[in-house]
Amino acid sequence: MIDFNSRMEKLRKVNGYLGSAILNYSGETLYIDEENTGADIGYASAIFNDSFRQINEASLDVGFSDIASFETKTEDGHVFLMKSAGAHSNESFSKIDIFCIFRDDGNIALAKMIMDKSSKLISDELSQL
């Protein structure tokens, strides 16, 4: 079994972090951390995931490749959804999405780097199950 808490520990320690969720490819929640948000992260991540899929289709329709991430910046903060990516093209690679929210003054660049690494690690672990 995957210890999602340990895989998300670095992200939770980034300045400005508020909450996160890990979703499988179909949008089902595998992990959720909403303690510091006062929000329904499960619902928000499902809405973001649906929007992500629709925007991805539009990207493909205009001749671009699949999108790797989706970011919304507001006056109050940032909301991200990052798709797992890797050198895997075989069926054993488990695609996941990491959703997270940060305050506006958070370390967004570091958060993106950690999300990318974490998504790859979790995807690889899931493919081993």
N, C-alpha and C. Protein backbone atom coordinates (compact mmCIF):
# COMPACT_ATOMS: atom_id res chain seq x y z
N MET A 1 0.84 -1.19 0.00
CA MET A 1 0.00 0.00 0.00
C MET A 1 0.88 1.25 0.00
N ILE A 2 0.44 2.26 -0.67
CA ILE A 2 1.21 3.49 -0.78
C ILE A 2 0.90 4.39 0.42
N ASP A 3 1.96 4.94 1.01
CA ASP A 3 1.81 5.89 2.11
C ASP A 3 1.76 7.30 1.50
N PHE A 4 0.55 7.73 1.16
CA PHE A 4 0.39 9.03 0.52
C PHE A 4 0.86 10.16 1.42
N ASN A 5 0.66 10.03 2.73
CA ASN A 5 1.10 11.08 3.66
C ASN A 5 2.59 11.34 3.54
N SER A 6 3.39 10.28 3.47
CA SER A 6 4.83 10.49 3.36
C SER A 6 5.21 11.06 1.99
N ARG A 7 4.51 10.66 0.94
CA ARG A 7 4.79 11.18 -0.40
C ARG A 7 4.42 12.66 -0.53
N MET A 8 3.48 13.12 0.28
CA MET A 8 3.02 14.51 0.20
C MET A 8 3.64 15.40 1.28
N GLU A 9 4.48 14.82 2.12
CA GLU A 9 5.06 15.56 3.24
C GLU A 9 5.84 16.79 2.79
N LYS A 10 6.68 16.66 1.78
CA LYS A 10 7.47 17.80 1.30
C LYS A 10 6.58 18.93 0.80
N LEU A 11 5.52 18.57 0.08
CA LEU A 11 4.61 19.59 -0.43
C LEU A 11 3.91 20.32 0.71
N ARG A 12 3.49 19.57 1.73
CA ARG A 12 2.81 20.19 2.87
C ARG A 12 3.70 21.18 3.62
N LYS A 13 5.02 21.01 3.52
CA LYS A 13 5.95 21.89 4.23
C LYS A 13 6.32 23.15 3.45
N VAL A 14 5.88 23.25 2.21
CA VAL A 14 6.21 24.42 1.39
C VAL A 14 5.42 25.63 1.92
N ASN A 15 6.10 26.76 2.00
CA ASN A 15 5.47 27.99 2.47
C ASN A 15 4.22 28.32 1.64
N GLY A 16 3.11 28.56 2.31
CA GLY A 16 1.88 28.94 1.64
C GLY A 16 0.92 27.79 1.36
N TYR A 17 1.35 26.56 1.63
CA TYR A 17 0.51 25.39 1.36
C TYR A 17 -0.77 25.45 2.20
N LEU A 18 -1.90 25.13 1.57
CA LEU A 18 -3.18 25.08 2.27
C LEU A 18 -3.84 23.70 2.23
N GLY A 19 -3.77 23.01 1.10
CA GLY A 19 -4.42 21.71 1.01
C GLY A 19 -4.13 21.05 -0.32
N SER A 20 -4.44 19.74 -0.39
CA SER A 20 -4.17 19.00 -1.62
C SER A 20 -5.01 17.75 -1.72
N ALA A 21 -4.98 17.17 -2.91
CA ALA A 21 -5.65 15.89 -3.16
C ALA A 21 -4.88 15.17 -4.26
N ILE A 22 -4.96 13.85 -4.23
CA ILE A 22 -4.41 13.02 -5.31
C ILE A 22 -5.58 12.29 -5.92
N LEU A 23 -5.68 12.37 -7.25
CA LEU A 23 -6.78 11.75 -7.98
C LEU A 23 -6.23 10.74 -8.96
N ASN A 24 -6.97 9.65 -9.17
CA ASN A 24 -6.57 8.75 -10.24
C ASN A 24 -7.06 9.33 -11.56
N TYR A 25 -6.77 8.63 -12.65
CA TYR A 25 -7.08 9.18 -13.97
C TYR A 25 -8.57 9.47 -14.16
N SER A 26 -9.43 8.67 -13.55
CA SER A 26 -10.87 8.88 -13.71
C SER A 26 -11.43 9.92 -12.75
N GLY A 27 -10.58 10.51 -11.91
CA GLY A 27 -11.03 11.57 -11.02
C GLY A 27 -11.40 11.13 -9.62
N GLU A 28 -11.19 9.86 -9.30
CA GLU A 28 -11.49 9.37 -7.95
C GLU A 28 -10.39 9.83 -6.99
N THR A 29 -10.79 10.25 -5.81
CA THR A 29 -9.84 10.75 -4.82
C THR A 29 -9.13 9.60 -4.13
N LEU A 30 -7.80 9.61 -4.17
CA LEU A 30 -6.97 8.61 -3.51
C LEU A 30 -6.42 9.13 -2.18
N TYR A 31 -6.27 10.45 -2.07
CA TYR A 31 -5.71 11.10 -0.89
C TYR A 31 -6.30 12.50 -0.81
N ILE A 32 -6.51 12.97 0.42
CA ILE A 32 -7.01 14.33 0.58
C ILE A 32 -6.46 14.93 1.87
N ASP A 33 -6.08 16.20 1.80
CA ASP A 33 -5.64 16.97 2.96
C ASP A 33 -6.33 18.31 2.88
N GLU A 34 -7.35 18.48 3.71
CA GLU A 34 -8.11 19.73 3.68
C GLU A 34 -8.20 20.38 5.05
N GLU A 35 -7.32 19.97 5.98
CA GLU A 35 -7.37 20.48 7.35
C GLU A 35 -7.25 21.99 7.44
N ASN A 36 -6.39 22.61 6.64
CA ASN A 36 -6.10 24.04 6.76
C ASN A 36 -6.91 24.91 5.81
N THR A 37 -7.92 24.34 5.16
CA THR A 37 -8.59 25.10 4.11
C THR A 37 -9.97 25.62 4.48
N GLY A 38 -10.72 24.86 5.25
CA GLY A 38 -12.11 25.22 5.47
C GLY A 38 -12.93 25.04 4.21
N ALA A 39 -12.39 24.29 3.26
CA ALA A 39 -13.05 24.08 1.97
C ALA A 39 -13.20 22.59 1.72
N ASP A 40 -14.06 22.26 0.79
CA ASP A 40 -14.26 20.88 0.38
C ASP A 40 -13.30 20.58 -0.77
N ILE A 41 -12.10 20.15 -0.42
CA ILE A 41 -11.06 19.89 -1.41
C ILE A 41 -11.47 18.78 -2.37
N GLY A 42 -12.17 17.77 -1.87
CA GLY A 42 -12.63 16.69 -2.74
C GLY A 42 -13.51 17.20 -3.87
N TYR A 43 -14.44 18.06 -3.54
CA TYR A 43 -15.34 18.63 -4.55
C TYR A 43 -14.57 19.55 -5.49
N ALA A 44 -13.74 20.43 -4.93
CA ALA A 44 -12.98 21.37 -5.76
C ALA A 44 -12.04 20.64 -6.72
N SER A 45 -11.39 19.58 -6.23
CA SER A 45 -10.46 18.85 -7.09
C SER A 45 -11.21 18.12 -8.20
N ALA A 46 -12.42 17.63 -7.91
CA ALA A 46 -13.21 16.96 -8.95
C ALA A 46 -13.62 17.96 -10.04
N ILE A 47 -14.01 19.15 -9.66
CA ILE A 47 -14.37 20.19 -10.63
C ILE A 47 -13.14 20.58 -11.46
N PHE A 48 -12.01 20.76 -10.80
CA PHE A 48 -10.79 21.10 -11.51
C PHE A 48 -10.38 20.00 -12.47
N ASN A 49 -10.51 18.75 -12.02
CA ASN A 49 -10.15 17.61 -12.87
C ASN A 49 -11.02 17.57 -14.13
N ASP A 50 -12.31 17.83 -13.97
CA ASP A 50 -13.22 17.85 -15.12
C ASP A 50 -12.83 18.97 -16.09
N SER A 51 -12.53 20.14 -15.55
CA SER A 51 -12.10 21.26 -16.39
C SER A 51 -10.79 20.94 -17.10
N PHE A 52 -9.88 20.30 -16.37
CA PHE A 52 -8.59 19.89 -16.93
C PHE A 52 -8.80 19.00 -18.15
N ARG A 53 -9.70 18.04 -18.05
CA ARG A 53 -9.97 17.12 -19.16
C ARG A 53 -10.56 17.87 -20.36
N GLN A 54 -11.46 18.82 -20.10
CA GLN A 54 -12.06 19.58 -21.19
C GLN A 54 -11.03 20.47 -21.89
N ILE A 55 -10.18 21.11 -21.12
CA ILE A 55 -9.14 21.96 -21.70
C ILE A 55 -8.14 21.11 -22.46
N ASN A 56 -7.86 19.92 -21.96
CA ASN A 56 -6.95 19.02 -22.67
C ASN A 56 -7.52 18.66 -24.05
N GLU A 57 -8.81 18.39 -24.10
CA GLU A 57 -9.45 18.09 -25.39
C GLU A 57 -9.33 19.26 -26.35
N ALA A 58 -9.51 20.47 -25.84
CA ALA A 58 -9.38 21.66 -26.68
C ALA A 58 -7.95 21.81 -27.18
N SER A 59 -6.98 21.51 -26.33
CA SER A 59 -5.58 21.57 -26.74
C SER A 59 -5.30 20.60 -27.88
N LEU A 60 -5.83 19.39 -27.76
CA LEU A 60 -5.65 18.39 -28.82
C LEU A 60 -6.37 18.81 -30.10
N ASP A 61 -7.56 19.43 -29.96
CA ASP A 61 -8.32 19.86 -31.12
C ASP A 61 -7.59 20.90 -31.96
N VAL A 62 -6.78 21.73 -31.33
CA VAL A 62 -6.05 22.75 -32.08
C VAL A 62 -4.67 22.26 -32.52
N GLY A 63 -4.39 20.99 -32.29
CA GLY A 63 -3.15 20.40 -32.78
C GLY A 63 -2.00 20.37 -31.79
N PHE A 64 -2.25 20.76 -30.53
CA PHE A 64 -1.21 20.69 -29.51
C PHE A 64 -1.24 19.35 -28.81
N SER A 65 -0.25 19.10 -27.98
CA SER A 65 -0.20 17.84 -27.23
C SER A 65 -1.04 17.95 -25.94
N ASP A 66 -1.08 16.85 -25.20
CA ASP A 66 -1.78 16.84 -23.91
C ASP A 66 -1.19 17.90 -22.99
N ILE A 67 -2.05 18.51 -22.18
CA ILE A 67 -1.54 19.49 -21.21
C ILE A 67 -0.97 18.75 -20.01
N ALA A 68 0.01 19.37 -19.39
CA ALA A 68 0.68 18.75 -18.25
C ALA A 68 0.20 19.31 -16.93
N SER A 69 -0.26 20.56 -16.94
CA SER A 69 -0.73 21.16 -15.71
C SER A 69 -1.74 22.25 -16.01
N PHE A 70 -2.46 22.61 -14.98
CA PHE A 70 -3.52 23.60 -15.08
C PHE A 70 -3.42 24.46 -13.83
N GLU A 71 -3.27 25.77 -13.99
CA GLU A 71 -3.09 26.67 -12.86
C GLU A 71 -4.07 27.83 -12.94
N THR A 72 -4.65 28.15 -11.80
CA THR A 72 -5.49 29.33 -11.69
C THR A 72 -4.89 30.22 -10.62
N LYS A 73 -4.65 31.48 -10.97
CA LYS A 73 -4.09 32.44 -10.01
C LYS A 73 -5.16 33.48 -9.71
N THR A 74 -5.39 33.69 -8.44
CA THR A 74 -6.33 34.71 -8.01
C THR A 74 -5.59 35.72 -7.13
N GLU A 75 -6.30 36.74 -6.65
CA GLU A 75 -5.68 37.70 -5.73
C GLU A 75 -5.30 37.03 -4.42
N ASP A 76 -5.99 35.96 -4.08
CA ASP A 76 -5.78 35.30 -2.79
C ASP A 76 -4.82 34.13 -2.83
N GLY A 77 -4.64 33.54 -4.01
CA GLY A 77 -3.79 32.37 -4.06
C GLY A 77 -3.75 31.69 -5.40
N HIS A 78 -3.24 30.47 -5.37
CA HIS A 78 -3.06 29.65 -6.57
C HIS A 78 -3.73 28.31 -6.39
N VAL A 79 -4.31 27.80 -7.47
CA VAL A 79 -4.87 26.45 -7.49
C VAL A 79 -4.22 25.73 -8.66
N PHE A 80 -3.71 24.52 -8.40
CA PHE A 80 -2.99 23.75 -9.42
C PHE A 80 -3.60 22.37 -9.59
N LEU A 81 -3.47 21.85 -10.78
CA LEU A 81 -3.69 20.44 -11.04
C LEU A 81 -2.56 20.02 -11.96
N MET A 82 -1.75 19.07 -11.52
CA MET A 82 -0.61 18.62 -12.31
C MET A 82 -0.75 17.14 -12.60
N LYS A 83 -0.66 16.80 -13.87
CA LYS A 83 -0.77 15.42 -14.31
C LYS A 83 0.58 14.74 -14.14
N SER A 84 0.55 13.47 -13.74
CA SER A 84 1.80 12.72 -13.67
C SER A 84 2.37 12.58 -15.06
N ALA A 85 3.66 12.65 -15.14
CA ALA A 85 4.34 12.51 -16.42
C ALA A 85 5.55 11.64 -16.21
N GLY A 86 5.92 10.96 -17.21
CA GLY A 86 7.10 10.12 -17.08
C GLY A 86 7.53 9.59 -18.42
N ALA A 87 8.57 8.83 -18.38
CA ALA A 87 9.09 8.24 -19.60
C ALA A 87 8.37 6.94 -19.92
N HIS A 88 7.26 6.71 -19.24
CA HIS A 88 6.52 5.46 -19.40
C HIS A 88 5.42 5.63 -20.44
N SER A 89 5.38 4.75 -21.37
CA SER A 89 4.28 4.76 -22.33
C SER A 89 3.54 3.43 -22.29
N ASN A 90 3.97 2.56 -21.40
CA ASN A 90 3.32 1.25 -21.32
C ASN A 90 2.12 1.29 -20.40
N GLU A 91 1.37 0.24 -20.39
CA GLU A 91 0.13 0.20 -19.61
C GLU A 91 0.35 0.11 -18.12
N SER A 92 1.57 -0.23 -17.68
CA SER A 92 1.81 -0.35 -16.25
C SER A 92 1.99 1.00 -15.56
N PHE A 93 2.09 2.06 -16.33
CA PHE A 93 2.24 3.40 -15.76
C PHE A 93 0.87 3.90 -15.32
N SER A 94 0.69 4.17 -14.03
CA SER A 94 -0.59 4.64 -13.49
C SER A 94 -0.63 6.16 -13.50
N LYS A 95 -1.55 6.72 -14.25
CA LYS A 95 -1.66 8.17 -14.32
C LYS A 95 -2.43 8.70 -13.12
N ILE A 96 -1.87 9.72 -12.50
CA ILE A 96 -2.55 10.39 -11.40
C ILE A 96 -2.46 11.90 -11.61
N ASP A 97 -3.29 12.62 -10.88
CA ASP A 97 -3.24 14.07 -10.87
C ASP A 97 -3.07 14.52 -9.43
N ILE A 98 -2.25 15.54 -9.23
CA ILE A 98 -2.13 16.15 -7.91
C ILE A 98 -2.75 17.53 -7.98
N PHE A 99 -3.68 17.77 -7.08
CA PHE A 99 -4.40 19.03 -6.96
C PHE A 99 -3.91 19.70 -5.69
N CYS A 100 -3.63 20.99 -5.72
CA CYS A 100 -3.27 21.68 -4.48
C CYS A 100 -3.62 23.15 -4.56
N ILE A 101 -3.74 23.74 -3.36
CA ILE A 101 -4.01 25.16 -3.27
C ILE A 101 -2.96 25.80 -2.35
N PHE A 102 -2.57 27.02 -2.73
CA PHE A 102 -1.55 27.78 -2.00
C PHE A 102 -2.00 29.22 -1.82
N ARG A 103 -1.56 29.81 -0.71
CA ARG A 103 -1.76 31.25 -0.53
C ARG A 103 -0.98 31.99 -1.62
N ASP A 104 -1.35 33.22 -1.86
CA ASP A 104 -0.70 34.02 -2.89
C ASP A 104 0.78 34.24 -2.61
N ASP A 105 1.17 34.28 -1.33
CA ASP A 105 2.56 34.53 -0.98
C ASP A 105 3.38 33.24 -0.84
N GLY A 106 2.82 32.12 -1.27
CA GLY A 106 3.50 30.84 -1.14
C GLY A 106 4.63 30.68 -2.15
N ASN A 107 5.47 29.70 -1.90
CA ASN A 107 6.60 29.40 -2.78
C ASN A 107 6.10 28.50 -3.92
N ILE A 108 5.54 29.12 -4.93
CA ILE A 108 4.88 28.41 -6.02
C ILE A 108 5.87 27.62 -6.87
N ALA A 109 7.04 28.18 -7.14
CA ALA A 109 8.03 27.48 -7.96
C ALA A 109 8.46 26.18 -7.29
N LEU A 110 8.72 26.22 -6.00
CA LEU A 110 9.12 25.01 -5.28
C LEU A 110 7.97 24.00 -5.26
N ALA A 111 6.77 24.49 -5.05
CA ALA A 111 5.59 23.60 -5.03
C ALA A 111 5.46 22.84 -6.35
N LYS A 112 5.64 23.52 -7.47
CA LYS A 112 5.53 22.87 -8.78
C LYS A 112 6.58 21.79 -8.97
N MET A 113 7.80 22.08 -8.52
CA MET A 113 8.87 21.08 -8.64
C MET A 113 8.56 19.84 -7.80
N ILE A 114 8.09 20.06 -6.59
CA ILE A 114 7.77 18.93 -5.71
C ILE A 114 6.58 18.15 -6.24
N MET A 115 5.57 18.84 -6.75
CA MET A 115 4.40 18.15 -7.31
C MET A 115 4.80 17.26 -8.47
N ASP A 116 5.69 17.75 -9.33
CA ASP A 116 6.13 16.97 -10.48
C ASP A 116 6.85 15.71 -10.02
N LYS A 117 7.78 15.83 -9.09
CA LYS A 117 8.52 14.67 -8.60
C LYS A 117 7.60 13.69 -7.86
N SER A 118 6.72 14.23 -7.03
CA SER A 118 5.81 13.37 -6.26
C SER A 118 4.86 12.60 -7.16
N SER A 119 4.36 13.27 -8.18
CA SER A 119 3.41 12.59 -9.07
C SER A 119 4.08 11.42 -9.79
N LYS A 120 5.33 11.59 -10.19
CA LYS A 120 6.07 10.51 -10.85
C LYS A 120 6.30 9.34 -9.90
N LEU A 121 6.71 9.64 -8.66
CA LEU A 121 6.96 8.59 -7.68
C LEU A 121 5.67 7.80 -7.38
N ILE A 122 4.59 8.53 -7.15
CA ILE A 122 3.32 7.87 -6.82
C ILE A 122 2.83 7.03 -7.99
N SER A 123 2.94 7.55 -9.21
CA SER A 123 2.53 6.80 -10.39
C SER A 123 3.31 5.51 -10.52
N ASP A 124 4.61 5.60 -10.31
CA ASP A 124 5.45 4.39 -10.38
C ASP A 124 5.05 3.39 -9.31
N GLU A 125 4.79 3.86 -8.09
CA GLU A 125 4.39 2.97 -7.01
C GLU A 125 3.04 2.30 -7.30
N LEU A 126 2.11 3.06 -7.83
CA LEU A 126 0.80 2.51 -8.16
C LEU A 126 0.90 1.42 -9.24
N SER A 127 1.83 1.62 -10.15
CA SER A 127 1.98 0.63 -11.22
C SER A 127 2.54 -0.69 -10.70
N GLN A 128 3.15 -0.68 -9.54
CA GLN A 128 3.72 -1.87 -8.93
C GLN A 128 2.68 -2.70 -8.16
N LEU A 129 1.52 -2.10 -7.90
CA LEU A 129 0.47 -2.80 -7.12
C LEU A 129 -0.23 -3.86 -7.94
